[in-house]
PDB file of N, CA and C in Angstrom:
ATOM      1  N   MET A   1      53.624  18.084  24.944  1.00  0.00           N
ATOM      2  CA  MET A   1      54.242  18.780  23.833  1.00  0.00           C
ATOM      3  C   MET A   1      55.750  18.730  24.028  1.00  0.00           C
ATOM      4  N   ALA A   2      56.453  18.362  22.976  1.00  0.00           N
ATOM      5  CA  ALA A   2      57.894  18.159  23.087  1.00  0.00           C
ATOM      6  C   ALA A   2      58.667  19.467  23.117  1.00  0.00           C
ATOM      7  N   ASN A   3      58.450  20.312  22.123  1.00  0.00           N
ATOM      8  CA  ASN A   3      59.203  21.569  22.099  1.00  0.00           C
ATOM      9  C   ASN A   3      58.543  22.592  21.182  1.00  0.00           C
ATOM     10  N   VAL A   4      59.169  23.762  21.117  1.00  0.00           N
ATOM     11  CA  VAL A   4      58.615  24.873  20.336  1.00  0.00           C
ATOM     12  C   VAL A   4      58.599  24.526  18.848  1.00  0.00           C
ATOM     13  N   ARG A   5      59.654  23.864  18.387  1.00  0.00           N
ATOM     14  CA  ARG A   5      59.729  23.510  16.957  1.00  0.00           C
ATOM     15  C   ARG A   5      58.541  22.632  16.572  1.00  0.00           C
ATOM     16  N   ASP A   6      58.200  21.658  17.419  1.00  0.00           N
ATOM     17  CA  ASP A   6      57.068  20.789  17.116  1.00  0.00           C
ATOM     18  C   ASP A   6      55.743  21.553  17.128  1.00  0.00           C
ATOM     19  N   LEU A   7      55.605  22.510  18.029  1.00  0.00           N
ATOM     20  CA  LEU A   7      54.386  23.322  18.067  1.00  0.00           C
ATOM     21  C   LEU A   7      54.259  24.142  16.785  1.00  0.00           C
ATOM     22  N   LYS A   8      55.371  24.713  16.335  1.00  0.00           N
ATOM     23  CA  LYS A   8      55.341  25.482  15.085  1.00  0.00           C
ATOM     24  C   LYS A   8      54.988  24.587  13.901  1.00  0.00           C
ATOM     25  N   LYS A   9      55.520  23.371  13.889  1.00  0.00           N
ATOM     26  CA  LYS A   9      55.185  22.427  12.818  1.00  0.00           C
ATOM     27  C   LYS A   9      53.705  22.071  12.854  1.00  0.00           C
ATOM     28  N   ASP A  10      53.179  21.850  14.058  1.00  0.00           N
ATOM     29  CA  ASP A  10      51.754  21.531  14.189  1.00  0.00           C
ATOM     30  C   ASP A  10      50.890  22.662  13.647  1.00  0.00           C
ATOM     31  N   ILE A  11      51.237  23.882  14.005  1.00  0.00           N
ATOM     32  CA  ILE A  11      50.488  25.047  13.514  1.00  0.00           C
ATOM     33  C   ILE A  11      50.533  25.075  11.992  1.00  0.00           C
ATOM     34  N   ASN A  12      51.716  24.890  11.443  1.00  0.00           N
ATOM     35  CA  ASN A  12      51.889  24.930   9.991  1.00  0.00           C
ATOM     36  C   ASN A  12      51.101  23.810   9.311  1.00  0.00           C
ATOM     37  N   PHE A  13      51.193  22.591   9.831  1.00  0.00           N
ATOM     38  CA  PHE A  13      50.503  21.465   9.205  1.00  0.00           C
ATOM     39  C   PHE A  13      48.992  21.595   9.292  1.00  0.00           C
ATOM     40  N   VAL A  14      48.478  21.942  10.447  1.00  0.00           N
ATOM     41  CA  VAL A  14      47.023  22.026  10.628  1.00  0.00           C
ATOM     42  C   VAL A  14      46.431  23.099   9.715  1.00  0.00           C
ATOM     43  N   LEU A  15      46.991  24.293   9.782  1.00  0.00           N
ATOM     44  CA  LEU A  15      46.426  25.380   8.979  1.00  0.00           C
ATOM     45  C   LEU A  15      46.728  25.194   7.492  1.00  0.00           C
ATOM     46  N   GLY A  16      47.858  24.589   7.170  1.00  0.00           N
ATOM     47  CA  GLY A  16      48.154  24.278   5.774  1.00  0.00           C
ATOM     48  C   GLY A  16      47.170  23.274   5.205  1.00  0.00           C
ATOM     49  N   ASP A  17      46.826  22.262   5.997  1.00  0.00           N
ATOM     50  CA  ASP A  17      45.838  21.274   5.551  1.00  0.00           C
ATOM     51  C   ASP A  17      44.462  21.903   5.374  1.00  0.00           C
ATOM     52  N   ILE A  18      44.119  22.846   6.221  1.00  0.00           N
ATOM     53  CA  ILE A  18      42.827  23.532   6.096  1.00  0.00           C
ATOM     54  C   ILE A  18      42.795  24.345   4.805  1.00  0.00           C
ATOM     55  N   ILE A  19      43.867  25.059   4.517  1.00  0.00           N
ATOM     56  CA  ILE A  19      43.931  25.845   3.279  1.00  0.00           C
ATOM     57  C   ILE A  19      43.870  24.919   2.066  1.00  0.00           C
ATOM     58  N   GLU A  20      44.570  23.798   2.150  1.00  0.00           N
ATOM     59  CA  GLU A  20      44.542  22.832   1.055  1.00  0.00           C
ATOM     60  C   GLU A  20      43.130  22.284   0.844  1.00  0.00           C
ATOM     61  N   ALA A  21      42.402  22.031   1.930  1.00  0.00           N
ATOM     62  CA  ALA A  21      41.026  21.547   1.821  1.00  0.00           C
ATOM     63  C   ALA A  21      40.134  22.571   1.133  1.00  0.00           C
ATOM     64  N   VAL A  22      40.370  23.850   1.393  1.00  0.00           N
ATOM     65  CA  VAL A  22      39.594  24.898   0.729  1.00  0.00           C
ATOM     66  C   VAL A  22      39.905  24.913  -0.763  1.00  0.00           C
ATOM     67  N   TYR A  23      41.185  24.776  -1.102  1.00  0.00           N
ATOM     68  CA  TYR A  23      41.554  24.742  -2.523  1.00  0.00           C
ATOM     69  C   TYR A  23      40.935  23.542  -3.231  1.00  0.00           C
ATOM     70  N   VAL A  24      40.879  22.406  -2.567  1.00  0.00           N
ATOM     71  CA  VAL A  24      40.245  21.218  -3.154  1.00  0.00           C
ATOM     72  C   VAL A  24      38.756  21.488  -3.358  1.00  0.00           C
ATOM     73  N   TRP A  25      38.114  22.117  -2.368  1.00  0.00           N
ATOM     74  CA  TRP A  25      36.701  22.447  -2.516  1.00  0.00           C
ATOM     75  C   TRP A  25      36.493  23.378  -3.711  1.00  0.00           C
ATOM     76  N   GLU A  26      37.351  24.401  -3.822  1.00  0.00           N
ATOM     77  CA  GLU A  26      37.226  25.339  -4.941  1.00  0.00           C
ATOM     78  C   GLU A  26      37.426  24.627  -6.276  1.00  0.00           C
ATOM     79  N   TYR A  27      38.368  23.700  -6.339  1.00  0.00           N
ATOM     80  CA  TYR A  27      38.634  22.955  -7.572  1.00  0.00           C
ATOM     81  C   TYR A  27      37.436  22.091  -7.955  1.00  0.00           C
ATOM     82  N   ASN A  28      36.794  21.498  -6.969  1.00  0.00           N
ATOM     83  CA  ASN A  28      35.649  20.631  -7.228  1.00  0.00           C
ATOM     84  C   ASN A  28      34.350  21.391  -7.436  1.00  0.00           C
ATOM     85  N   ASN A  29      34.330  22.676  -7.110  1.00  0.00           N
ATOM     86  CA  ASN A  29      33.118  23.487  -7.233  1.00  0.00           C
ATOM     87  C   ASN A  29      33.415  24.760  -8.010  1.00  0.00           C
ATOM     88  N   THR A  30      33.908  24.607  -9.226  1.00  0.00           N
ATOM     89  CA  THR A  30      34.304  25.769 -10.020  1.00  0.00           C
ATOM     90  C   THR A  30      33.122  26.655 -10.398  1.00  0.00           C
ATOM     91  N   ASP A  31      31.916  26.118 -10.351  1.00  0.00           N
ATOM     92  CA  ASP A  31      30.736  26.895 -10.720  1.00  0.00           C
ATOM     93  C   ASP A  31      30.201  27.755  -9.577  1.00  0.00           C
ATOM     94  N   LYS A  32      30.773  27.615  -8.391  1.00  0.00           N
ATOM     95  CA  LYS A  32      30.254  28.339  -7.227  1.00  0.00           C
ATOM     96  C   LYS A  32      31.133  29.538  -6.889  1.00  0.00           C
ATOM     97  N   ASP A  33      30.538  30.496  -6.189  1.00  0.00           N
ATOM     98  CA  ASP A  33      31.246  31.702  -5.767  1.00  0.00           C
ATOM     99  C   ASP A  33      32.306  31.357  -4.721  1.00  0.00           C
ATOM    100  N   THR A  34      33.473  31.969  -4.846  1.00  0.00           N
ATOM    101  CA  THR A  34      34.582  31.628  -3.953  1.00  0.00           C
ATOM    102  C   THR A  34      34.830  32.679  -2.868  1.00  0.00           C
ATOM    103  N   LYS A  35      33.928  33.624  -2.695  1.00  0.00           N
ATOM    104  CA  LYS A  35      34.141  34.655  -1.675  1.00  0.00           C
ATOM    105  C   LYS A  35      34.213  34.061  -0.273  1.00  0.00           C
ATOM    106  N   LYS A  36      33.327  33.130   0.040  1.00  0.00           N
ATOM    107  CA  LYS A  36      33.342  32.521   1.371  1.00  0.00           C
ATOM    108  C   LYS A  36      34.585  31.656   1.571  1.00  0.00           C
ATOM    109  N   SER A  37      34.968  30.931   0.546  1.00  0.00           N
ATOM    110  CA  SER A  37      36.146  30.076   0.680  1.00  0.00           C
ATOM    111  C   SER A  37      37.422  30.914   0.789  1.00  0.00           C
ATOM    112  N   GLU A  38      37.484  32.008   0.071  1.00  0.00           N
ATOM    113  CA  GLU A  38      38.643  32.899   0.179  1.00  0.00           C
ATOM    114  C   GLU A  38      38.704  33.534   1.571  1.00  0.00           C
ATOM    115  N   ALA A  39      37.565  33.807   2.159  1.00  0.00           N
ATOM    116  CA  ALA A  39      37.527  34.354   3.516  1.00  0.00           C
ATOM    117  C   ALA A  39      38.063  33.324   4.520  1.00  0.00           C
ATOM    118  N   ILE A  40      37.779  32.051   4.290  1.00  0.00           N
ATOM    119  CA  ILE A  40      38.307  30.996   5.162  1.00  0.00           C
ATOM    120  C   ILE A  40      39.823  30.938   5.050  1.00  0.00           C
ATOM    121  N   ILE A  41      40.340  31.056   3.837  1.00  0.00           N
ATOM    122  CA  ILE A  41      41.796  31.061   3.639  1.00  0.00           C
ATOM    123  C   ILE A  41      42.417  32.258   4.347  1.00  0.00           C
ATOM    124  N   ASP A  42      41.806  33.427   4.194  1.00  0.00           N
ATOM    125  CA  ASP A  42      42.321  34.627   4.865  1.00  0.00           C
ATOM    126  C   ASP A  42      42.317  34.456   6.377  1.00  0.00           C
ATOM    127  N   GLU A  43      41.252  33.854   6.905  1.00  0.00           N
ATOM    128  CA  GLU A  43      41.165  33.631   8.349  1.00  0.00           C
ATOM    129  C   GLU A  43      42.232  32.631   8.813  1.00  0.00           C
ATOM    130  N   ALA A  44      42.489  31.602   8.010  1.00  0.00           N
ATOM    131  CA  ALA A  44      43.516  30.623   8.361  1.00  0.00           C
ATOM    132  C   ALA A  44      44.894  31.273   8.381  1.00  0.00           C
ATOM    133  N   ILE A  45      45.166  32.143   7.425  1.00  0.00           N
ATOM    134  CA  ILE A  45      46.456  32.842   7.383  1.00  0.00           C
ATOM    135  C   ILE A  45      46.596  33.781   8.575  1.00  0.00           C
ATOM    136  N   ALA A  46      45.531  34.492   8.905  1.00  0.00           N
ATOM    137  CA  ALA A  46      45.568  35.389  10.063  1.00  0.00           C
ATOM    138  C   ALA A  46      45.758  34.601  11.357  1.00  0.00           C
ATOM    139  N   THR A  47      45.120  33.447  11.460  1.00  0.00           N
ATOM    140  CA  THR A  47      45.288  32.586  12.635  1.00  0.00           C
ATOM    141  C   THR A  47      46.719  32.102  12.729  1.00  0.00           C
ATOM    142  N   PHE A  48      47.288  31.701  11.590  1.00  0.00           N
ATOM    143  CA  PHE A  48      48.685  31.265  11.565  1.00  0.00           C
ATOM    144  C   PHE A  48      49.607  32.367  12.082  1.00  0.00           C
ATOM    145  N   ASP A  49      49.427  33.562  11.538  1.00  0.00           N
ATOM    146  CA  ASP A  49      50.278  34.689  11.948  1.00  0.00           C
ATOM    147  C   ASP A  49      50.151  34.973  13.439  1.00  0.00           C
ATOM    148  N   ALA A  50      48.928  34.949  13.948  1.00  0.00           N
ATOM    149  CA  ALA A  50      48.701  35.242  15.363  1.00  0.00           C
ATOM    150  C   ALA A  50      49.316  34.169  16.261  1.00  0.00           C
ATOM    151  N   LEU A  51      49.143  32.910  15.896  1.00  0.00           N
ATOM    152  CA  LEU A  51      49.679  31.836  16.733  1.00  0.00           C
ATOM    153  C   LEU A  51      51.207  31.805  16.715  1.00  0.00           C
ATOM    154  N   ILE A  52      51.805  32.028  15.556  1.00  0.00           N
ATOM    155  CA  ILE A  52      53.273  32.050  15.479  1.00  0.00           C
ATOM    156  C   ILE A  52      53.815  33.227  16.287  1.00  0.00           C
ATOM    157  N   ALA A  53      53.129  34.362  16.251  1.00  0.00           N
ATOM    158  CA  ALA A  53      53.560  35.515  17.050  1.00  0.00           C
ATOM    159  C   ALA A  53      53.504  35.172  18.536  1.00  0.00           C
ATOM    160  N   LYS A  54      52.470  34.441  18.945  1.00  0.00           N
ATOM    161  CA  LYS A  54      52.363  34.038  20.350  1.00  0.00           C
ATOM    162  C   LYS A  54      53.469  33.054  20.730  1.00  0.00           C
ATOM    163  N   VAL A  55      53.799  32.137  19.827  1.00  0.00           N
ATOM    164  CA  VAL A  55      54.872  31.175  20.101  1.00  0.00           C
ATOM    165  C   VAL A  55      56.208  31.899  20.255  1.00  0.00           C
ATOM    166  N   ASN A  56      56.427  32.902  19.437  1.00  0.00           N
ATOM    167  CA  ASN A  56      57.702  33.628  19.448  1.00  0.00           C
ATOM    168  C   ASN A  56      57.803  34.670  20.552  1.00  0.00           C
ATOM    169  N   ASP A  57      56.735  34.874  21.313  1.00  0.00           N
ATOM    170  CA  ASP A  57      56.754  35.848  22.407  1.00  0.00           C
ATOM    171  C   ASP A  57      57.698  35.370  23.503  1.00  0.00           C
ATOM    172  N   LYS A  58      58.710  36.161  23.789  1.00  0.00           N
ATOM    173  CA  LYS A  58      59.733  35.782  24.781  1.00  0.00           C
ATOM    174  C   LYS A  58      59.406  36.292  26.180  1.00  0.00           C
ATOM    175  N   LYS A  59      58.377  37.102  26.330  1.00  0.00           N
ATOM    176  CA  LYS A  59      58.055  37.724  27.624  1.00  0.00           C
ATOM    177  C   LYS A  59      56.971  36.937  28.369  1.00  0.00           C
ATOM    178  N   VAL A  60      57.125  35.638  28.390  1.00  0.00           N
ATOM    179  CA  VAL A  60      56.135  34.778  29.024  1.00  0.00           C
ATOM    180  C   VAL A  60      56.717  34.229  30.321  1.00  0.00           C
ATOM    181  N   GLU A  61      55.921  34.287  31.373  1.00  0.00           N
ATOM    182  CA  GLU A  61      56.392  33.812  32.676  1.00  0.00           C
ATOM    183  C   GLU A  61      56.354  32.282  32.748  1.00  0.00           C
ATOM    184  N   ASN A  62      55.202  31.703  32.503  1.00  0.00           N
ATOM    185  CA  ASN A  62      55.043  30.251  32.579  1.00  0.00           C
ATOM    186  C   ASN A  62      54.954  29.699  31.154  1.00  0.00           C
ATOM    187  N   LYS A  63      56.084  29.279  30.622  1.00  0.00           N
ATOM    188  CA  LYS A  63      56.136  28.846  29.219  1.00  0.00           C
ATOM    189  C   LYS A  63      55.279  27.611  28.968  1.00  0.00           C
ATOM    190  N   LYS A  64      55.296  26.671  29.894  1.00  0.00           N
ATOM    191  CA  LYS A  64      54.531  25.442  29.698  1.00  0.00           C
ATOM    192  C   LYS A  64      53.040  25.739  29.551  1.00  0.00           C
ATOM    193  N   ALA A  65      52.503  26.563  30.419  1.00  0.00           N
ATOM    194  CA  ALA A  65      51.080  26.922  30.350  1.00  0.00           C
ATOM    195  C   ALA A  65      50.795  27.749  29.092  1.00  0.00           C
ATOM    196  N   HIS A  66      51.728  28.620  28.734  1.00  0.00           N
ATOM    197  CA  HIS A  66      51.572  29.459  27.545  1.00  0.00           C
ATOM    198  C   HIS A  66      51.475  28.598  26.287  1.00  0.00           C
ATOM    199  N   PHE A  67      52.386  27.642  26.148  1.00  0.00           N
ATOM    200  CA  PHE A  67      52.383  26.788  24.960  1.00  0.00           C
ATOM    201  C   PHE A  67      51.195  25.837  24.953  1.00  0.00           C
ATOM    202  N   LYS A  68      50.758  25.412  26.125  1.00  0.00           N
ATOM    203  CA  LYS A  68      49.578  24.561  26.208  1.00  0.00           C
ATOM    204  C   LYS A  68      48.336  25.345  25.760  1.00  0.00           C
ATOM    205  N   ALA A  69      48.268  26.614  26.144  1.00  0.00           N
ATOM    206  CA  ALA A  69      47.151  27.468  25.722  1.00  0.00           C
ATOM    207  C   ALA A  69      47.172  27.688  24.211  1.00  0.00           C
ATOM    208  N   ILE A  70      48.351  27.864  23.643  1.00  0.00           N
ATOM    209  CA  ILE A  70      48.470  28.043  22.194  1.00  0.00           C
ATOM    210  C   ILE A  70      48.002  26.779  21.483  1.00  0.00           C
ATOM    211  N   ASN A  71      48.396  25.631  22.005  1.00  0.00           N
ATOM    212  CA  ASN A  71      47.996  24.361  21.410  1.00  0.00           C
ATOM    213  C   ASN A  71      46.478  24.183  21.442  1.00  0.00           C
ATOM    214  N   SER A  72      45.851  24.529  22.545  1.00  0.00           N
ATOM    215  CA  SER A  72      44.395  24.403  22.624  1.00  0.00           C
ATOM    216  C   SER A  72      43.707  25.442  21.735  1.00  0.00           C
ATOM    217  N   GLU A  73      44.301  26.624  21.600  1.00  0.00           N
ATOM    218  CA  GLU A  73      43.738  27.636  20.701  1.00  0.00           C
ATOM    219  C   GLU A  73      43.821  27.167  19.255  1.00  0.00           C
ATOM    220  N   LEU A  74      44.934  26.516  18.899  1.00  0.00           N
ATOM    221  CA  LEU A  74      45.074  25.958  17.551  1.00  0.00           C
ATOM    222  C   LEU A  74      43.975  24.933  17.293  1.00  0.00           C
ATOM    223  N   GLU A  75      43.720  24.082  18.256  1.00  0.00           N
ATOM    224  CA  GLU A  75      42.691  23.064  18.100  1.00  0.00           C
ATOM    225  C   GLU A  75      41.314  23.703  17.943  1.00  0.00           C
ATOM    226  N   THR A  76      41.012  24.679  18.777  1.00  0.00           N
ATOM    227  CA  THR A  76      39.711  25.344  18.734  1.00  0.00           C
ATOM    228  C   THR A  76      39.496  26.066  17.399  1.00  0.00           C
ATOM    229  N   LYS A  77      40.482  26.868  17.001  1.00  0.00           N
ATOM    230  CA  LYS A  77      40.339  27.629  15.760  1.00  0.00           C
ATOM    231  C   LYS A  77      40.374  26.721  14.542  1.00  0.00           C
ATOM    232  N   GLY A  78      41.167  25.665  14.607  1.00  0.00           N
ATOM    233  CA  GLY A  78      41.212  24.707  13.505  1.00  0.00           C
ATOM    234  C   GLY A  78      39.871  24.030  13.302  1.00  0.00           C
ATOM    235  N   LEU A  79      39.256  23.600  14.393  1.00  0.00           N
ATOM    236  CA  LEU A  79      37.938  22.967  14.291  1.00  0.00           C
ATOM    237  C   LEU A  79      36.891  23.945  13.762  1.00  0.00           C
ATOM    238  N   ALA A  80      36.978  25.202  14.177  1.00  0.00           N
ATOM    239  CA  ALA A  80      36.030  26.207  13.689  1.00  0.00           C
ATOM    240  C   ALA A  80      36.187  26.416  12.181  1.00  0.00           C
ATOM    241  N   LEU A  81      37.430  26.441  11.711  1.00  0.00           N
ATOM    242  CA  LEU A  81      37.666  26.609  10.275  1.00  0.00           C
ATOM    243  C   LEU A  81      37.177  25.386   9.497  1.00  0.00           C
ATOM    244  N   ILE A  82      37.375  24.203  10.053  1.00  0.00           N
ATOM    245  CA  ILE A  82      36.888  22.983   9.390  1.00  0.00           C
ATOM    246  C   ILE A  82      35.358  22.998   9.297  1.00  0.00           C
ATOM    247  N   GLU A  83      34.704  23.470  10.348  1.00  0.00           N
ATOM    248  CA  GLU A  83      33.241  23.591  10.304  1.00  0.00           C
ATOM    249  C   GLU A  83      32.801  24.539   9.194  1.00  0.00           C
ATOM    250  N   LYS A  84      33.539  25.635   9.028  1.00  0.00           N
ATOM    251  CA  LYS A  84      33.191  26.585   7.957  1.00  0.00           C
ATOM    252  C   LYS A  84      33.377  25.950   6.584  1.00  0.00           C
ATOM    253  N   ILE A  85      34.407  25.129   6.427  1.00  0.00           N
ATOM    254  CA  ILE A  85      34.621  24.438   5.154  1.00  0.00           C
ATOM    255  C   ILE A  85      33.465  23.479   4.896  1.00  0.00           C
ATOM    256  N   ASN A  86      33.041  22.767   5.927  1.00  0.00           N
ATOM    257  CA  ASN A  86      31.943  21.810   5.782  1.00  0.00           C
ATOM    258  C   ASN A  86      30.629  22.483   5.431  1.00  0.00           C
ATOM    259  N   LYS A  87      30.479  23.750   5.806  1.00  0.00           N
ATOM    260  CA  LYS A  87      29.224  24.471   5.525  1.00  0.00           C
ATOM    261  C   LYS A  87      29.206  25.151   4.158  1.00  0.00           C
ATOM    262  N   LEU A  88      30.337  25.119   3.446  1.00  0.00           N
ATOM    263  CA  LEU A  88      30.355  25.719   2.111  1.00  0.00           C
ATOM    264  C   LEU A  88      29.388  24.978   1.209  1.00  0.00           C
ATOM    265  N   ASN A  89      28.650  25.721   0.380  1.00  0.00           N
ATOM    266  CA  ASN A  89      27.720  25.074  -0.541  1.00  0.00           C
ATOM    267  C   ASN A  89      27.776  25.682  -1.887  1.00  0.00           C
TER     268      ASN A  89
END
């Protein structure tokens, strides 16, 4: 990982793409209930807020390990959200 700015961009791009995928699903499935898809969007926004707060935390002893953990958490939560999008019916 190069720097904090790149990590913030990654968080923004990954979760933004997930939200966009939900909107595309909603657009293509106008006849279906959107409660589950809206919950995915809410979860993506909450994940974004939590990860950015962790990135901005200045009271970290080992920054490299801290940012590596944030990056892996982004990957884990991103994949979980993508799975939820794939299960929408």
